[in-house]
Amino acid sequence: MSEFFLCHHKPDGPTINSAKDNTKLNGFFECHGVHCTKIRRPFSCDRYCSRITTANVNTLIMHEDNVIAADCENAVAFNEARGKEHGVRIEPTEFWKEDDGNLLTNCATVTRESDNRITATDCLNGTLLEHETLPAPYMNFTQFWAIYENSTRSVDPEQKFLPNQANLTIYSWKKLFINLEGCVNTLRGECKDFVARYGNDGDNNTAQSRYQCYYNKDANVEFVVARYDLDKVYRELLVSLIVPIVLFVISSISLCVITKSVKVGDDAKMRCVCAGDDSDDDVFGNANSKQPDNIYDTDDDVVDLEQQSGLDPVVTEQGHPLDTHEMVGSTKSLIPLSPTGDSGTSEQHFVDDDQDQDEKAVKCDVPEKPLVIL
């Protein structure tokens, strides 16, 4: 059953109330409201087009499931077919006129122009009929289909302008993909539209789907595609190459800058170092602080330091006074607060430490043992 068919049938089976027992509706039924009568015997159908005008008509063009009837003077071709190869553009060439007979053909697109011209593209299976062959004044689609199927006189014996479909067949069977990936994910119902556009296979006297597609000349490729844009492929290729390369260059430059400007100090903290600072200096917190130039490695140096700490500040070789507070702060962690003596008693040392706090403060906490800076 279809909107394109008129079927001849007779309901001769039991009647079922579909509102109460619709599970028994299996097969063909003729329904009036909720009451459906089963069709038991086989039936025949005709294409539902009972009045195709044939009076004063010499051209019949099939376009999908439509039949276009016209009265034309001649037919002119602008392209020339070359079998399985691509067609070529030619000068306007007349290949049919009304005295040759009735013209029948099948075209992919048909457009009626404003100056009473018909423009058709991708036409094939052009045949000629005698003028008295078509029944007048009307015929149905079943009659038309039988006449068209039995027509054998070709309009174009050289198969250049309206060639037979067999001469244009490149591959007899291939899978049809919507694109190179074979799928879409736009959620716009494209699969449903794809089936409606490309799914007609010509069964039950319906028209086969006619459409443009892109194929590979390699016979081992098992599919053709309905969508293919070479410029889009080039754009996507450039984007897929340029974007990663630019990001890689930016990342590399950023890593180099961070490597030169960020250092990790002795306290395991990361700090930014200016371009003029010494990258090997671990004292990041005070840019103006400088380590003392004098390094005391022997007991004599310590004795000299004790003698000078009474009144006079320590002067370095460059003539700058030595900051003793800085020196003391850097050596407290190296000197035991309560070392044990050789006698093995530690209480005496605690007492001595309490009594000598003021004296050591006056002496700026001069270390009792040599200071070694590594």
Protein backbone atom coordinates (compact mmCIF):
# COMPACT_ATOMS: atom_id res chain seq x y z
CA MET A 1 0.00 0.00 0.00
CA SER A 2 1.38 3.38 -0.95
CA GLU A 3 0.24 6.86 -1.93
CA PHE A 4 1.53 6.13 -5.44
CA PHE A 5 -0.61 3.00 -5.97
CA LEU A 6 -4.25 2.20 -6.57
CA CYS A 7 -4.84 -1.35 -5.37
CA HIS A 8 -7.73 -3.64 -6.43
CA HIS A 9 -8.75 -5.74 -3.47
CA LYS A 10 -11.82 -7.19 -1.75
CA PRO A 11 -12.12 -7.48 2.03
CA ASP A 12 -13.50 -10.99 2.62
CA GLY A 13 -12.20 -11.93 6.07
CA PRO A 14 -13.35 -11.46 9.65
CA THR A 15 -13.92 -8.00 11.11
CA ILE A 16 -11.87 -6.99 14.14
CA ASN A 17 -12.40 -4.11 16.52
CA SER A 18 -8.95 -2.53 16.62
CA ALA A 19 -9.76 -0.52 19.76
CA LYS A 20 -10.33 -3.71 21.79
CA ASP A 21 -8.16 -6.36 20.13
CA ASN A 22 -5.48 -4.76 17.98
CA THR A 23 -3.03 -7.63 18.53
CA LYS A 24 -4.91 -9.65 15.87
CA LEU A 25 -4.22 -7.06 13.15
CA ASN A 26 -1.66 -9.12 11.29
CA GLY A 27 -1.75 -8.86 7.50
CA PHE A 28 -3.76 -6.61 5.15
CA PHE A 29 -6.98 -5.03 6.41
CA GLU A 30 -9.50 -2.49 5.15
CA CYS A 31 -10.44 -0.25 8.06
CA HIS A 32 -13.40 2.06 8.58
CA GLY A 33 -12.98 3.74 11.90
CA VAL A 34 -12.06 1.12 14.49
CA HIS A 35 -13.58 -1.76 12.49
CA CYS A 36 -11.06 -3.52 10.21
CA THR A 37 -11.87 -6.32 7.75
CA LYS A 38 -9.12 -8.71 6.71
CA ILE A 39 -8.12 -9.08 3.03
CA ARG A 40 -7.47 -12.79 2.48
CA ARG A 41 -6.88 -13.11 -1.28
CA PRO A 42 -3.91 -11.61 -3.19
CA PHE A 43 -4.57 -8.32 -4.94
CA SER A 44 -2.97 -6.20 -7.67
CA CYS A 45 -2.00 -2.53 -7.66
CA ASP A 46 -1.50 0.15 -10.30
CA ARG A 47 0.49 3.32 -9.98
CA TYR A 48 -1.90 5.99 -8.85
CA CYS A 49 -1.80 8.29 -11.85
CA SER A 50 -4.91 7.65 -13.89
CA ARG A 51 -4.96 10.73 -16.15
CA ILE A 52 -1.65 11.34 -17.92
CA THR A 53 -2.47 13.67 -20.77
CA THR A 54 -1.36 12.45 -24.20
CA ALA A 55 -3.29 14.84 -26.50
CA ASN A 56 -0.95 17.28 -28.29
CA VAL A 57 2.04 15.86 -26.40
CA ASN A 58 5.28 14.67 -27.97
CA THR A 59 7.63 14.68 -24.97
CA LEU A 60 7.34 12.67 -21.75
CA ILE A 61 9.98 13.19 -19.06
CA MET A 62 10.17 11.08 -15.90
CA HIS A 63 11.48 12.89 -12.83
CA GLU A 64 11.51 10.78 -9.66
CA ASP A 65 7.88 9.61 -9.27
CA ASN A 66 6.50 12.33 -11.53
CA VAL A 67 5.73 12.31 -15.26
CA ILE A 68 6.03 15.63 -17.11
CA ALA A 69 4.16 15.91 -20.44
CA ALA A 70 5.05 18.66 -22.91
CA ASP A 71 4.79 19.66 -26.56
CA CYS A 72 8.30 20.62 -27.73
CA GLU A 73 9.84 21.57 -31.07
CA ASN A 74 13.38 20.30 -30.56
CA ALA A 75 15.95 19.23 -27.98
CA VAL A 76 19.44 20.74 -27.65
CA ALA A 77 22.39 19.27 -25.76
CA PHE A 78 25.09 21.30 -24.00
CA ASN A 79 27.15 18.35 -22.74
CA GLU A 80 28.43 15.18 -24.34
CA ALA A 81 28.63 11.87 -22.52
CA ARG A 82 31.72 9.69 -22.92
CA GLY A 83 30.70 6.43 -21.36
CA LYS A 84 32.38 5.77 -18.02
CA GLU A 85 34.59 8.85 -18.34
CA HIS A 86 33.61 12.37 -17.38
CA GLY A 87 31.41 14.26 -19.83
CA VAL A 88 32.61 17.41 -21.58
CA ARG A 89 31.04 20.76 -22.35
CA ILE A 90 30.17 21.30 -26.04
CA GLU A 91 28.52 23.89 -28.21
CA PRO A 92 24.68 23.70 -28.30
CA THR A 93 23.84 20.72 -30.53
CA GLU A 94 20.36 19.73 -31.67
CA PHE A 95 19.80 15.96 -31.38
CA TRP A 96 15.97 15.69 -31.62
CA LYS A 97 13.07 17.47 -33.35
CA GLU A 98 9.34 16.84 -33.26
CA ASP A 99 9.20 15.08 -36.63
CA ASP A 100 11.38 12.26 -35.27
CA GLY A 101 8.62 10.94 -32.99
CA ASN A 102 7.63 11.09 -29.33
CA LEU A 103 10.56 11.53 -26.96
CA LEU A 104 10.75 9.60 -23.69
CA THR A 105 13.56 10.08 -21.19
CA ASN A 106 14.42 10.01 -17.49
CA CYS A 107 16.14 13.05 -15.92
CA ALA A 108 17.55 13.81 -12.49
CA THR A 109 16.31 17.42 -12.40
CA VAL A 110 13.67 19.21 -14.47
CA THR A 111 13.03 22.97 -14.38
CA ARG A 112 10.49 25.00 -16.34
CA GLU A 113 11.88 28.36 -17.45
CA SER A 114 9.91 31.57 -17.84
CA ASP A 115 10.16 31.55 -21.65
CA ASN A 116 8.33 28.21 -21.96
CA ARG A 117 11.51 26.19 -22.05
CA ILE A 118 12.30 23.07 -20.05
CA THR A 119 15.80 22.61 -18.69
CA ALA A 120 16.75 19.09 -17.60
CA THR A 121 20.02 17.64 -16.34
CA ASP A 122 21.54 14.15 -16.21
CA CYS A 123 19.06 12.64 -18.67
CA LEU A 124 19.42 9.04 -19.84
CA ASN A 125 17.54 6.14 -21.46
CA GLY A 126 16.22 8.34 -24.28
CA THR A 127 13.87 6.46 -26.63
CA LEU A 128 11.54 7.30 -29.51
CA LEU A 129 7.93 6.24 -30.07
CA GLU A 130 5.68 6.59 -33.06
CA HIS A 131 3.04 9.27 -32.75
CA GLU A 132 0.14 6.82 -32.73
CA THR A 133 1.71 4.62 -30.03
CA LEU A 134 0.46 6.67 -27.09
CA PRO A 135 -3.24 6.15 -26.29
CA ALA A 136 -5.32 9.32 -26.44
CA PRO A 137 -6.49 11.44 -24.74
CA TYR A 138 -5.30 9.93 -21.43
CA MET A 139 -3.41 6.96 -20.07
CA ASN A 140 -2.60 5.72 -16.59
CA PHE A 141 0.84 5.09 -15.20
CA THR A 142 0.64 1.34 -15.68
CA GLN A 143 0.13 1.80 -19.41
CA PHE A 144 2.90 4.36 -19.60
CA TRP A 145 5.32 2.09 -17.75
CA ALA A 146 4.60 -0.81 -20.11
CA ILE A 147 5.11 1.39 -23.18
CA TYR A 148 8.35 2.82 -21.85
CA GLU A 149 9.69 -0.59 -20.90
CA ASN A 150 9.04 -2.01 -24.40
CA SER A 151 10.49 0.94 -26.30
CA THR A 152 13.75 -0.01 -28.05
CA ARG A 153 14.34 2.76 -30.60
CA SER A 154 17.13 4.97 -29.31
CA VAL A 155 17.14 8.74 -29.74
CA ASP A 156 20.89 8.84 -29.88
CA PRO A 157 22.50 5.80 -31.58
CA GLU A 158 25.99 7.10 -30.69
CA GLN A 159 25.06 7.32 -27.00
CA LYS A 160 26.38 10.87 -26.62
CA PHE A 161 23.38 12.92 -25.47
CA LEU A 162 20.75 10.59 -23.97
CA PRO A 163 22.78 7.41 -23.39
CA ASN A 164 21.46 4.16 -22.00
CA GLN A 165 22.06 3.56 -18.33
CA ALA A 166 24.14 0.46 -19.06
CA ASN A 167 26.69 2.52 -21.00
CA LEU A 168 27.20 4.84 -18.01
CA THR A 169 27.52 2.19 -15.33
CA ILE A 170 30.93 2.38 -13.64
CA TYR A 171 30.30 -0.07 -10.81
CA SER A 172 27.28 -2.35 -10.62
CA TRP A 173 27.33 -2.37 -6.82
CA LYS A 174 28.86 -0.12 -4.15
CA LYS A 175 28.02 0.92 -0.61
CA LEU A 176 26.78 4.50 -0.20
CA PHE A 177 28.20 6.51 2.70
CA ILE A 178 26.98 9.96 3.67
CA ASN A 179 30.61 11.14 3.91
CA LEU A 180 34.11 9.71 4.19
CA GLU A 181 33.56 8.87 7.87
CA GLY A 182 30.29 7.10 7.09
CA CYS A 183 28.37 8.80 9.91
CA VAL A 184 27.21 12.15 11.32
CA ASN A 185 26.62 13.31 14.90
CA THR A 186 24.74 16.59 14.47
CA LEU A 187 21.51 15.19 16.02
CA ARG A 188 19.43 16.84 13.28
CA GLY A 189 17.72 13.71 11.99
CA GLU A 190 20.07 13.44 9.03
CA CYS A 191 19.86 9.65 8.93
CA LYS A 192 16.11 9.82 8.35
CA ASP A 193 16.54 12.40 5.59
CA PHE A 194 19.34 10.30 4.09
CA VAL A 195 17.10 7.24 3.78
CA ALA A 196 14.26 9.31 2.31
CA ARG A 197 16.61 10.89 -0.25
CA TYR A 198 18.70 7.89 -1.27
CA GLY A 199 16.67 4.85 -0.17
CA ASN A 200 14.36 4.29 -3.16
CA ASP A 201 15.42 1.10 -4.95
CA GLY A 202 12.80 1.00 -7.71
CA ASP A 203 10.63 -1.81 -6.31
CA ASN A 204 6.91 -1.91 -7.10
CA ASN A 205 7.29 0.27 -10.20
CA THR A 206 8.62 3.21 -8.17
CA ALA A 207 11.40 5.43 -9.41
CA GLN A 208 14.93 4.66 -8.33
CA SER A 209 16.83 7.32 -6.42
CA ARG A 210 18.96 9.51 -8.66
CA TYR A 211 21.67 11.63 -7.08
CA GLN A 212 25.22 12.81 -7.50
CA CYS A 213 27.97 10.95 -5.66
CA TYR A 214 31.75 10.85 -5.44
CA TYR A 215 33.63 7.65 -6.19
CA ASN A 216 37.18 6.37 -6.27
CA LYS A 217 38.51 4.95 -9.54
CA ASP A 218 40.18 2.19 -7.59
CA ALA A 219 37.81 -0.77 -7.87
CA ASN A 220 38.97 -2.13 -4.49
CA VAL A 221 37.28 0.77 -2.68
CA GLU A 222 33.91 -0.61 -1.62
CA PHE A 223 31.96 2.62 -1.11
CA VAL A 224 30.98 5.95 -2.65
CA VAL A 225 30.09 9.11 -0.73
CA ALA A 226 27.24 11.56 -1.09
CA ARG A 227 29.11 14.51 0.49
CA TYR A 228 32.66 15.50 -0.34
CA ASP A 229 34.27 18.95 -0.24
CA LEU A 230 37.94 18.97 -1.19
CA ASP A 231 38.43 22.60 -0.09
CA LYS A 232 37.03 21.74 3.33
CA VAL A 233 39.45 18.83 3.58
CA TYR A 234 42.37 21.18 2.83
CA ARG A 235 41.19 23.67 5.46
CA GLU A 236 40.85 21.00 8.12
CA LEU A 237 44.30 19.64 7.24
CA LEU A 238 45.91 23.08 7.60
CA VAL A 239 44.18 23.70 10.93
CA SER A 240 45.23 20.29 12.24
CA LEU A 241 48.86 21.08 11.34
CA ILE A 242 49.16 24.78 12.23
CA VAL A 243 47.46 24.75 15.63
CA PRO A 244 49.64 22.00 17.21
CA ILE A 245 52.84 23.54 15.79
CA VAL A 246 52.00 27.01 17.16
CA LEU A 247 51.14 25.58 20.57
CA PHE A 248 54.38 23.58 20.60
CA VAL A 249 56.48 26.68 19.83
CA ILE A 250 54.70 28.77 22.48
CA SER A 251 55.13 26.00 25.06
CA SER A 252 58.84 25.63 24.28
CA ILE A 253 59.47 29.37 24.60
CA SER A 254 57.53 29.48 27.87
CA LEU A 255 59.56 26.60 29.31
CA CYS A 256 62.85 28.30 28.37
CA VAL A 257 61.76 31.58 30.02
CA ILE A 258 60.60 29.81 33.17
CA THR A 259 63.85 27.82 33.35
CA LYS A 260 65.91 31.03 33.30
CA SER A 261 63.70 33.17 35.56
CA VAL A 262 62.45 30.77 38.23
CA LYS A 263 64.83 29.21 40.79
CA VAL A 264 64.35 26.97 43.79
CA GLY A 265 66.04 28.16 46.98
CA ASP A 266 67.45 26.19 49.92
CA ASP A 267 64.09 26.47 51.62
CA ALA A 268 62.46 24.59 48.72
CA LYS A 269 60.51 27.67 47.60
CA MET A 270 60.31 28.88 44.03
CA ARG A 271 61.21 32.52 43.37
CA CYS A 272 61.47 34.65 40.25
CA VAL A 273 64.94 36.00 39.53
CA CYS A 274 65.46 39.20 37.55
CA ALA A 275 67.76 39.19 34.58
CA GLY A 276 70.48 41.18 36.43
CA ASP A 277 70.57 38.91 39.50
CA ASP A 278 73.05 36.11 39.98
CA SER A 279 71.20 32.91 39.19
CA ASP A 280 73.46 30.87 41.49
CA ASP A 281 72.79 33.07 44.58
CA ASP A 282 70.57 31.21 47.03
CA VAL A 283 69.75 34.36 49.03
CA PHE A 284 66.59 35.36 47.09
CA GLY A 285 64.81 37.22 49.85
CA ASN A 286 67.34 40.09 50.21
CA ALA A 287 68.78 41.26 46.91
CA ASN A 288 71.09 43.79 48.63
CA SER A 289 72.55 41.34 51.16
CA LYS A 290 76.05 40.11 50.51
CA GLN A 291 77.93 37.26 52.07
CA PRO A 292 81.00 38.24 54.08
CA ASP A 293 84.19 38.13 52.15
CA ASN A 294 86.29 36.85 55.08
CA ILE A 295 86.10 33.13 55.76
CA TYR A 296 87.37 31.95 59.14
CA ASP A 297 88.81 28.50 58.90
CA THR A 298 91.39 28.34 61.77
CA ASP A 299 91.50 28.98 65.49
CA ASP A 300 93.78 32.00 64.97
CA ASP A 301 91.11 33.67 62.90
CA VAL A 302 88.59 33.10 65.66
CA VAL A 303 90.93 34.59 68.27
CA ASP A 304 91.41 37.67 66.13
CA LEU A 305 87.67 37.97 65.82
CA GLU A 306 87.25 37.78 69.64
CA GLN A 307 89.85 40.51 70.18
CA GLN A 308 88.18 42.83 67.69
CA SER A 309 84.64 42.22 68.93
CA GLY A 310 85.25 44.07 72.21
CA LEU A 311 85.21 47.61 70.79
CA ASP A 312 86.05 47.79 67.17
CA PRO A 313 83.87 46.44 64.34
CA VAL A 314 85.37 43.88 62.04
CA VAL A 315 86.57 45.41 58.80
CA THR A 316 86.87 43.33 55.63
CA GLU A 317 89.60 43.54 53.10
CA GLN A 318 87.48 45.85 50.95
CA GLY A 319 87.10 48.26 53.86
CA HIS A 320 83.45 47.55 54.70
CA PRO A 321 82.50 46.74 58.30
CA LEU A 322 81.41 43.17 58.86
CA ASP A 323 77.87 42.77 60.08
CA THR A 324 78.38 40.64 63.19
CA HIS A 325 74.67 40.16 63.75
CA GLU A 326 74.42 38.51 60.39
CA MET A 327 77.40 36.35 61.20
CA VAL A 328 75.98 35.30 64.56
CA GLY A 329 72.64 34.43 63.08
CA SER A 330 74.29 32.21 60.52
CA THR A 331 76.35 30.25 63.06
CA LYS A 332 73.95 29.61 65.90
CA SER A 333 72.62 26.52 64.23
CA LEU A 334 76.14 25.14 63.90
CA ILE A 335 77.11 25.41 67.62
CA PRO A 336 75.59 23.00 70.19
CA LEU A 337 73.61 24.88 72.85
CA SER A 338 74.48 22.47 75.65
CA PRO A 339 77.54 20.44 74.74
CA THR A 340 78.83 17.94 77.29
CA GLY A 341 82.35 18.33 78.62
CA ASP A 342 85.07 15.79 78.89
CA SER A 343 84.12 15.04 82.52
CA GLY A 344 80.76 13.64 81.41
CA THR A 345 78.58 16.08 83.46
CA SER A 346 76.21 18.42 81.77
CA GLU A 347 74.81 20.37 84.73
CA GLN A 348 77.90 22.54 84.97
CA HIS A 349 77.48 23.56 81.41
CA PHE A 350 73.87 24.56 81.96
CA VAL A 351 74.94 26.76 84.87
CA ASP A 352 77.75 28.24 82.85
CA ASP A 353 75.41 28.92 80.01
CA ASP A 354 72.99 30.80 82.29
CA GLN A 355 75.76 32.90 83.78
CA ASP A 356 77.42 33.75 80.53
CA GLN A 357 74.32 34.83 78.57
CA ASP A 358 75.02 38.53 79.08
CA GLU A 359 78.72 38.12 78.38
CA LYS A 360 78.05 36.29 75.11
CA ALA A 361 75.51 38.89 74.09
CA VAL A 362 78.11 41.61 74.64
CA LYS A 363 80.63 39.64 72.68
CA CYS A 364 78.09 39.24 69.80
CA ASP A 365 77.94 35.46 70.25
CA VAL A 366 81.43 34.85 68.98
CA PRO A 367 81.59 31.16 68.05
CA GLU A 368 83.67 28.97 70.36
CA LYS A 369 84.72 26.73 67.52
CA PRO A 370 86.07 27.52 64.08
CA LEU A 371 83.39 28.47 61.53
CA VAL A 372 83.63 26.67 58.26
CA ILE A 373 81.54 27.87 55.35
CA LEU A 374 80.93 25.26 52.65
